PDB file of N, CA and C in Angstrom:
ATOM      1  N   MET A   1      43.321 123.493  55.602  1.00  0.00           N
ATOM      2  CA  MET A   1      42.577 122.300  55.415  1.00  0.00           C
ATOM      3  C   MET A   1      41.285 122.357  56.253  1.00  0.00           C
ATOM      4  N   PRO A   2      40.141 122.269  55.599  1.00  0.00           N
ATOM      5  CA  PRO A   2      38.809 122.384  56.291  1.00  0.00           C
ATOM      6  C   PRO A   2      38.652 121.170  57.277  1.00  0.00           C
ATOM      7  N   THR A   3      38.101 121.523  58.436  1.00  0.00           N
ATOM      8  CA  THR A   3      37.689 120.480  59.399  1.00  0.00           C
ATOM      9  C   THR A   3      36.246 120.182  59.187  1.00  0.00           C
ATOM     10  N   LEU A   4      35.949 118.922  58.929  1.00  0.00           N
ATOM     11  CA  LEU A   4      34.615 118.415  58.685  1.00  0.00           C
ATOM     12  C   LEU A   4      33.882 118.038  59.949  1.00  0.00           C
ATOM     13  N   SER A   5      34.583 117.558  60.929  1.00  0.00           N
ATOM     14  CA  SER A   5      33.959 117.074  62.148  1.00  0.00           C
ATOM     15  C   SER A   5      34.997 116.954  63.275  1.00  0.00           C
ATOM     16  N   VAL A   6      34.560 117.057  64.508  1.00  0.00           N
ATOM     17  CA  VAL A   6      35.384 116.898  65.690  1.00  0.00           C
ATOM     18  C   VAL A   6      34.621 116.059  66.722  1.00  0.00           C
ATOM     19  N   PHE A   7      35.212 115.025  67.207  1.00  0.00           N
ATOM     20  CA  PHE A   7      34.615 114.219  68.298  1.00  0.00           C
ATOM     21  C   PHE A   7      35.698 113.492  69.049  1.00  0.00           C
ATOM     22  N   TYR A   8      35.555 113.463  70.408  1.00  0.00           N
ATOM     23  CA  TYR A   8      36.426 112.775  71.300  1.00  0.00           C
ATOM     24  C   TYR A   8      37.936 113.141  71.068  1.00  0.00           C
ATOM     25  N   GLY A   9      38.183 114.387  70.778  1.00  0.00           N
ATOM     26  CA  GLY A   9      39.560 114.855  70.504  1.00  0.00           C
ATOM     27  C   GLY A   9      40.087 114.531  69.146  1.00  0.00           C
ATOM     28  N   ILE A  10      39.239 114.000  68.234  1.00  0.00           N
ATOM     29  CA  ILE A  10      39.682 113.590  66.930  1.00  0.00           C
ATOM     30  C   ILE A  10      39.164 114.617  65.928  1.00  0.00           C
ATOM     31  N   LEU A  11      40.058 115.114  65.071  1.00  0.00           N
ATOM     32  CA  LEU A  11      39.690 116.043  64.008  1.00  0.00           C
ATOM     33  C   LEU A  11      39.615 115.282  62.708  1.00  0.00           C
ATOM     34  N   ILE A  12      38.590 115.530  61.906  1.00  0.00           N
ATOM     35  CA  ILE A  12      38.432 114.953  60.594  1.00  0.00           C
ATOM     36  C   ILE A  12      38.598 116.099  59.637  1.00  0.00           C
ATOM     37  N   GLN A  13      39.547 115.980  58.678  1.00  0.00           N
ATOM     38  CA  GLN A  13      39.829 117.078  57.768  1.00  0.00           C
ATOM     39  C   GLN A  13      40.045 116.537  56.367  1.00  0.00           C
ATOM     40  N   MET A  14      39.899 117.456  55.402  1.00  0.00           N
ATOM     41  CA  MET A  14      40.160 117.193  53.950  1.00  0.00           C
ATOM     42  C   MET A  14      40.961 118.388  53.402  1.00  0.00           C
ATOM     43  N   PHE A  15      41.875 118.080  52.422  1.00  0.00           N
ATOM     44  CA  PHE A  15      42.559 119.151  51.737  1.00  0.00           C
ATOM     45  C   PHE A  15      41.769 119.475  50.454  1.00  0.00           C
ATOM     46  N   TRP A  16      41.835 120.784  50.074  1.00  0.00           N
ATOM     47  CA  TRP A  16      41.288 121.119  48.798  1.00  0.00           C
ATOM     48  C   TRP A  16      42.211 120.545  47.686  1.00  0.00           C
ATOM     49  N   ARG A  17      41.522 119.995  46.647  1.00  0.00           N
ATOM     50  CA  ARG A  17      42.272 119.474  45.492  1.00  0.00           C
ATOM     51  C   ARG A  17      43.361 118.503  45.850  1.00  0.00           C
ATOM     52  N   ASP A  18      43.048 117.640  46.719  1.00  0.00           N
ATOM     53  CA  ASP A  18      44.014 116.639  47.166  1.00  0.00           C
ATOM     54  C   ASP A  18      44.103 115.475  46.196  1.00  0.00           C
ATOM     55  N   HIS A  19      45.136 114.680  46.306  1.00  0.00           N
ATOM     56  CA  HIS A  19      45.332 113.540  45.355  1.00  0.00           C
ATOM     57  C   HIS A  19      44.337 112.416  45.586  1.00  0.00           C
ATOM     58  N   ALA A  20      44.125 111.618  44.523  1.00  0.00           N
ATOM     59  CA  ALA A  20      43.302 110.451  44.625  1.00  0.00           C
ATOM     60  C   ALA A  20      44.032 109.347  45.357  1.00  0.00           C
ATOM     61  N   PRO A  21      43.388 108.366  45.907  1.00  0.00           N
ATOM     62  CA  PRO A  21      41.978 108.138  45.929  1.00  0.00           C
ATOM     63  C   PRO A  21      41.276 109.022  46.919  1.00  0.00           C
ATOM     64  N   PRO A  22      39.932 109.147  46.809  1.00  0.00           N
ATOM     65  CA  PRO A  22      39.177 109.980  47.770  1.00  0.00           C
ATOM     66  C   PRO A  22      39.458 109.541  49.180  1.00  0.00           C
ATOM     67  N   HIS A  23      39.909 110.481  50.000  1.00  0.00           N
ATOM     68  CA  HIS A  23      40.298 110.113  51.398  1.00  0.00           C
ATOM     69  C   HIS A  23      40.059 111.317  52.289  1.00  0.00           C
ATOM     70  N   PHE A  24      40.184 111.074  53.556  1.00  0.00           N
ATOM     71  CA  PHE A  24      40.151 112.098  54.592  1.00  0.00           C
ATOM     72  C   PHE A  24      41.331 111.923  55.569  1.00  0.00           C
ATOM     73  N   HIS A  25      41.617 112.943  56.308  1.00  0.00           N
ATOM     74  CA  HIS A  25      42.672 112.849  57.347  1.00  0.00           C
ATOM     75  C   HIS A  25      41.953 112.841  58.727  1.00  0.00           C
ATOM     76  N   ALA A  26      42.439 111.978  59.609  1.00  0.00           N
ATOM     77  CA  ALA A  26      41.987 111.999  60.942  1.00  0.00           C
ATOM     78  C   ALA A  26      43.201 112.257  61.838  1.00  0.00           C
ATOM     79  N   LEU A  27      43.088 113.242  62.735  1.00  0.00           N
ATOM     80  CA  LEU A  27      44.209 113.598  63.608  1.00  0.00           C
ATOM     81  C   LEU A  27      43.738 113.473  65.069  1.00  0.00           C
ATOM     82  N   HIS A  28      44.621 112.898  65.903  1.00  0.00           N
ATOM     83  CA  HIS A  28      44.365 112.719  67.283  1.00  0.00           C
ATOM     84  C   HIS A  28      45.694 112.790  68.058  1.00  0.00           C
ATOM     85  N   ALA A  29      45.870 113.764  68.889  1.00  0.00           N
ATOM     86  CA  ALA A  29      47.057 114.033  69.630  1.00  0.00           C
ATOM     87  C   ALA A  29      48.239 114.126  68.572  1.00  0.00           C
ATOM     88  N   ASP A  30      49.328 113.362  68.662  1.00  0.00           N
ATOM     89  CA  ASP A  30      50.419 113.478  67.733  1.00  0.00           C
ATOM     90  C   ASP A  30      50.240 112.495  66.564  1.00  0.00           C
ATOM     91  N   PHE A  31      49.101 111.863  66.388  1.00  0.00           N
ATOM     92  CA  PHE A  31      48.875 110.838  65.333  1.00  0.00           C
ATOM     93  C   PHE A  31      48.053 111.446  64.230  1.00  0.00           C
ATOM     94  N   GLU A  32      48.305 110.879  63.052  1.00  0.00           N
ATOM     95  CA  GLU A  32      47.509 111.277  61.846  1.00  0.00           C
ATOM     96  C   GLU A  32      47.375 109.990  60.945  1.00  0.00           C
ATOM     97  N   VAL A  33      46.194 109.846  60.362  1.00  0.00           N
ATOM     98  CA  VAL A  33      45.949 108.764  59.476  1.00  0.00           C
ATOM     99  C   VAL A  33      45.165 109.280  58.306  1.00  0.00           C
ATOM    100  N   LEU A  34      45.422 108.702  57.115  1.00  0.00           N
ATOM    101  CA  LEU A  34      44.642 108.960  55.899  1.00  0.00           C
ATOM    102  C   LEU A  34      43.802 107.725  55.619  1.00  0.00           C
ATOM    103  N   ILE A  35      42.489 107.908  55.350  1.00  0.00           N
ATOM    104  CA  ILE A  35      41.592 106.765  55.195  1.00  0.00           C
ATOM    105  C   ILE A  35      40.869 106.925  53.894  1.00  0.00           C
ATOM    106  N   ASP A  36      40.886 105.880  53.083  1.00  0.00           N
ATOM    107  CA  ASP A  36      40.175 105.844  51.799  1.00  0.00           C
ATOM    108  C   ASP A  36      38.630 105.823  52.079  1.00  0.00           C
ATOM    109  N   ILE A  37      37.929 106.719  51.496  1.00  0.00           N
ATOM    110  CA  ILE A  37      36.453 106.799  51.796  1.00  0.00           C
ATOM    111  C   ILE A  37      35.751 105.667  51.175  1.00  0.00           C
ATOM    112  N   ARG A  38      36.173 105.105  50.077  1.00  0.00           N
ATOM    113  CA  ARG A  38      35.453 104.027  49.374  1.00  0.00           C
ATOM    114  C   ARG A  38      35.608 102.692  50.114  1.00  0.00           C
ATOM    115  N   THR A  39      36.849 102.396  50.608  1.00  0.00           N
ATOM    116  CA  THR A  39      37.172 101.069  51.151  1.00  0.00           C
ATOM    117  C   THR A  39      37.338 101.131  52.643  1.00  0.00           C
ATOM    118  N   MET A  40      37.463 102.276  53.290  1.00  0.00           N
ATOM    119  CA  MET A  40      37.708 102.494  54.712  1.00  0.00           C
ATOM    120  C   MET A  40      39.138 101.864  55.089  1.00  0.00           C
ATOM    121  N   GLU A  41      39.963 101.734  54.091  1.00  0.00           N
ATOM    122  CA  GLU A  41      41.347 101.267  54.250  1.00  0.00           C
ATOM    123  C   GLU A  41      42.242 102.401  54.698  1.00  0.00           C
ATOM    124  N   VAL A  42      43.194 102.085  55.637  1.00  0.00           N
ATOM    125  CA  VAL A  42      44.119 103.049  56.077  1.00  0.00           C
ATOM    126  C   VAL A  42      45.234 103.097  54.986  1.00  0.00           C
ATOM    127  N   LEU A  43      45.340 104.330  54.416  1.00  0.00           N
ATOM    128  CA  LEU A  43      46.295 104.540  53.312  1.00  0.00           C
ATOM    129  C   LEU A  43      47.714 104.873  53.818  1.00  0.00           C
ATOM    130  N   GLU A  44      47.701 105.575  54.952  1.00  0.00           N
ATOM    131  CA  GLU A  44      48.985 106.032  55.467  1.00  0.00           C
ATOM    132  C   GLU A  44      48.749 106.499  56.968  1.00  0.00           C
ATOM    133  N   GLY A  45      49.831 106.329  57.755  1.00  0.00           N
ATOM    134  CA  GLY A  45      49.769 106.844  59.107  1.00  0.00           C
ATOM    135  C   GLY A  45      49.247 105.824  60.140  1.00  0.00           C
ATOM    136  N   ASP A  46      48.952 106.307  61.310  1.00  0.00           N
ATOM    137  CA  ASP A  46      48.538 105.481  62.434  1.00  0.00           C
ATOM    138  C   ASP A  46      47.778 106.250  63.425  1.00  0.00           C
ATOM    139  N   LEU A  47      46.881 105.608  64.078  1.00  0.00           N
ATOM    140  CA  LEU A  47      46.125 106.163  65.209  1.00  0.00           C
ATOM    141  C   LEU A  47      46.030 105.064  66.272  1.00  0.00           C
ATOM    142  N   PRO A  48      45.914 105.430  67.541  1.00  0.00           N
ATOM    143  CA  PRO A  48      45.660 104.461  68.537  1.00  0.00           C
ATOM    144  C   PRO A  48      44.415 103.629  68.229  1.00  0.00           C
ATOM    145  N   ARG A  49      44.426 102.341  68.552  1.00  0.00           N
ATOM    146  CA  ARG A  49      43.344 101.435  68.141  1.00  0.00           C
ATOM    147  C   ARG A  49      41.931 101.927  68.470  1.00  0.00           C
ATOM    148  N   ARG A  50      41.707 102.426  69.603  1.00  0.00           N
ATOM    149  CA  ARG A  50      40.399 102.879  70.030  1.00  0.00           C
ATOM    150  C   ARG A  50      39.989 104.093  69.168  1.00  0.00           C
ATOM    151  N   ALA A  51      40.864 105.033  68.974  1.00  0.00           N
ATOM    152  CA  ALA A  51      40.553 106.220  68.140  1.00  0.00           C
ATOM    153  C   ALA A  51      40.279 105.769  66.711  1.00  0.00           C
ATOM    154  N   LEU A  52      41.090 104.809  66.148  1.00  0.00           N
ATOM    155  CA  LEU A  52      40.778 104.391  64.830  1.00  0.00           C
ATOM    156  C   LEU A  52      39.505 103.647  64.660  1.00  0.00           C
ATOM    157  N   ALA A  53      39.074 102.871  65.679  1.00  0.00           N
ATOM    158  CA  ALA A  53      37.774 102.268  65.641  1.00  0.00           C
ATOM    159  C   ALA A  53      36.667 103.272  65.618  1.00  0.00           C
ATOM    160  N   MET A  54      36.791 104.292  66.384  1.00  0.00           N
ATOM    161  CA  MET A  54      35.735 105.394  66.384  1.00  0.00           C
ATOM    162  C   MET A  54      35.706 106.083  65.052  1.00  0.00           C
ATOM    163  N   VAL A  55      36.867 106.358  64.477  1.00  0.00           N
ATOM    164  CA  VAL A  55      36.912 107.050  63.150  1.00  0.00           C
ATOM    165  C   VAL A  55      36.265 106.147  62.109  1.00  0.00           C
ATOM    166  N   LEU A  56      36.583 104.894  62.128  1.00  0.00           N
ATOM    167  CA  LEU A  56      35.979 104.004  61.116  1.00  0.00           C
ATOM    168  C   LEU A  56      34.508 103.841  61.260  1.00  0.00           C
ATOM    169  N   GLU A  57      34.028 103.781  62.497  1.00  0.00           N
ATOM    170  CA  GLU A  57      32.580 103.757  62.788  1.00  0.00           C
ATOM    171  C   GLU A  57      31.884 104.994  62.205  1.00  0.00           C
ATOM    172  N   TRP A  58      32.439 106.156  62.592  1.00  0.00           N
ATOM    173  CA  TRP A  58      31.932 107.434  62.078  1.00  0.00           C
ATOM    174  C   TRP A  58      31.933 107.537  60.578  1.00  0.00           C
ATOM    175  N   ALA A  59      33.083 107.172  59.972  1.00  0.00           N
ATOM    176  CA  ALA A  59      33.195 107.254  58.516  1.00  0.00           C
ATOM    177  C   ALA A  59      32.197 106.343  57.747  1.00  0.00           C
ATOM    178  N   THR A  60      32.054 105.170  58.294  1.00  0.00           N
ATOM    179  CA  THR A  60      31.051 104.205  57.683  1.00  0.00           C
ATOM    180  C   THR A  60      29.679 104.788  57.725  1.00  0.00           C
ATOM    181  N   GLU A  61      29.317 105.406  58.813  1.00  0.00           N
ATOM    182  CA  GLU A  61      27.967 105.995  58.901  1.00  0.00           C
ATOM    183  C   GLU A  61      27.834 107.239  57.954  1.00  0.00           C
ATOM    184  N   HIS A  62      28.915 107.945  57.616  1.00  0.00           N
ATOM    185  CA  HIS A  62      28.821 109.159  56.852  1.00  0.00           C
ATOM    186  C   HIS A  62      29.593 109.089  55.534  1.00  0.00           C
ATOM    187  N   ARG A  63      29.692 107.883  54.984  1.00  0.00           N
ATOM    188  CA  ARG A  63      30.435 107.707  53.689  1.00  0.00           C
ATOM    189  C   ARG A  63      29.881 108.583  52.616  1.00  0.00           C
ATOM    190  N   LYS A  64      28.572 108.646  52.449  1.00  0.00           N
ATOM    191  CA  LYS A  64      27.986 109.450  51.373  1.00  0.00           C
ATOM    192  C   LYS A  64      28.313 110.911  51.581  1.00  0.00           C
ATOM    193  N   GLU A  65      28.233 111.450  52.757  1.00  0.00           N
ATOM    194  CA  GLU A  65      28.579 112.813  53.016  1.00  0.00           C
ATOM    195  C   GLU A  65      30.046 113.072  52.816  1.00  0.00           C
ATOM    196  N   LEU A  66      30.898 112.159  53.141  1.00  0.00           N
ATOM    197  CA  LEU A  66      32.319 112.262  52.883  1.00  0.00           C
ATOM    198  C   LEU A  66      32.627 112.343  51.359  1.00  0.00           C
ATOM    199  N   MET A  67      31.991 111.555  50.620  1.00  0.00           N
ATOM    200  CA  MET A  67      32.213 111.621  49.124  1.00  0.00           C
ATOM    201  C   MET A  67      31.709 112.905  48.589  1.00  0.00           C
ATOM    202  N   GLU A  68      30.565 113.436  49.072  1.00  0.00           N
ATOM    203  CA  GLU A  68      30.112 114.717  48.630  1.00  0.00           C
ATOM    204  C   GLU A  68      31.092 115.850  49.002  1.00  0.00           C
ATOM    205  N   ASP A  69      31.641 115.805  50.192  1.00  0.00           N
ATOM    206  CA  ASP A  69      32.639 116.748  50.570  1.00  0.00           C
ATOM    207  C   ASP A  69      33.882 116.644  49.740  1.00  0.00           C
ATOM    208  N   TRP A  70      34.281 115.388  49.424  1.00  0.00           N
ATOM    209  CA  TRP A  70      35.508 115.140  48.518  1.00  0.00           C
ATOM    210  C   TRP A  70      35.238 115.914  47.194  1.00  0.00           C
ATOM    211  N   GLU A  71      34.083 115.719  46.668  1.00  0.00           N
ATOM    212  CA  GLU A  71      33.729 116.343  45.366  1.00  0.00           C
ATOM    213  C   GLU A  71      33.813 117.894  45.475  1.00  0.00           C
ATOM    214  N   LEU A  72      33.299 118.383  46.594  1.00  0.00           N
ATOM    215  CA  LEU A  72      33.363 119.841  46.808  1.00  0.00           C
ATOM    216  C   LEU A  72      34.850 120.333  46.885  1.00  0.00           C
ATOM    217  N   CYS A  73      35.688 119.579  47.595  1.00  0.00           N
ATOM    218  CA  CYS A  73      37.034 119.929  47.769  1.00  0.00           C
ATOM    219  C   CYS A  73      37.797 119.889  46.406  1.00  0.00           C
ATOM    220  N   GLU A  74      37.401 118.902  45.553  1.00  0.00           N
ATOM    221  CA  GLU A  74      38.009 118.770  44.290  1.00  0.00           C
ATOM    222  C   GLU A  74      37.782 120.059  43.461  1.00  0.00           C
ATOM    223  N   ARG A  75      36.653 120.697  43.664  1.00  0.00           N
ATOM    224  CA  ARG A  75      36.261 121.929  42.936  1.00  0.00           C
ATOM    225  C   ARG A  75      36.676 123.200  43.718  1.00  0.00           C
ATOM    226  N   ASN A  76      37.493 122.950  44.733  1.00  0.00           N
ATOM    227  CA  ASN A  76      37.987 124.061  45.531  1.00  0.00           C
ATOM    228  C   ASN A  76      36.908 124.791  46.240  1.00  0.00           C
ATOM    229  N   GLN A  77      35.800 124.122  46.604  1.00  0.00           N
ATOM    230  CA  GLN A  77      34.758 124.678  47.318  1.00  0.00           C
ATOM    231  C   GLN A  77      34.741 124.143  48.788  1.00  0.00           C
ATOM    232  N   MET A  78      34.114 124.925  49.652  1.00  0.00           N
ATOM    233  CA  MET A  78      34.113 124.619  51.069  1.00  0.00           C
ATOM    234  C   MET A  78      33.252 123.390  51.302  1.00  0.00           C
ATOM    235  N   PRO A  79      33.749 122.365  51.922  1.00  0.00           N
ATOM    236  CA  PRO A  79      32.954 121.154  52.292  1.00  0.00           C
ATOM    237  C   PRO A  79      32.005 121.508  53.433  1.00  0.00           C
ATOM    238  N   LYS A  80      30.969 120.701  53.514  1.00  0.00           N
ATOM    239  CA  LYS A  80      29.968 120.894  54.540  1.00  0.00           C
ATOM    240  C   LYS A  80      30.370 120.102  55.836  1.00  0.00           C
ATOM    241  N   PRO A  81      29.976 120.723  56.977  1.00  0.00           N
ATOM    242  CA  PRO A  81      30.290 119.940  58.234  1.00  0.00           C
ATOM    243  C   PRO A  81      29.495 118.665  58.300  1.00  0.00           C
ATOM    244  N   ILE A  82      30.038 117.687  59.017  1.00  0.00           N
ATOM    245  CA  ILE A  82      29.363 116.401  59.193  1.00  0.00           C
ATOM    246  C   ILE A  82      29.228 116.143  60.694  1.00  0.00           C
ATOM    247  N   LYS A  83      28.020 115.656  61.065  1.00  0.00           N
ATOM    248  CA  LYS A  83      27.776 115.381  62.494  1.00  0.00           C
ATOM    249  C   LYS A  83      28.852 114.515  63.079  1.00  0.00           C
ATOM    250  N   PRO A  84      29.201 114.811  64.344  1.00  0.00           N
ATOM    251  CA  PRO A  84      30.252 114.030  64.993  1.00  0.00           C
ATOM    252  C   PRO A  84      29.649 112.706  65.511  1.00  0.00           C
ATOM    253  N   LEU A  85      30.523 111.770  65.862  1.00  0.00           N
ATOM    254  CA  LEU A  85      30.159 110.499  66.423  1.00  0.00           C
ATOM    255  C   LEU A  85      29.470 110.791  67.752  1.00  0.00           C
ATOM    256  N   GLU A  86      28.373 110.152  68.042  1.00  0.00           N
ATOM    257  CA  GLU A  86      27.666 110.338  69.309  1.00  0.00           C
ATOM    258  C   GLU A  86      27.816 109.161  70.169  1.00  0.00           C
TER     259      GLU A  86
END
């Protein structure tokens, strides 16, 4: 699974040819969450509140890039890295 970004110990990843809806995985310590790119809704899993807030802030800033990476992954192509949260 390609890693798109890393910040504050949080990894943002996507699977190639993953199931709909368009989403990404955020991993932090022993936690993992799947987030819908279009709605920023948590589809599955859990993260500590502060980590989730940072992930949602980052994803909102980079929604367009996340959708572009989703489309690349659907075609089994390597997604592009995305700037971390600053």
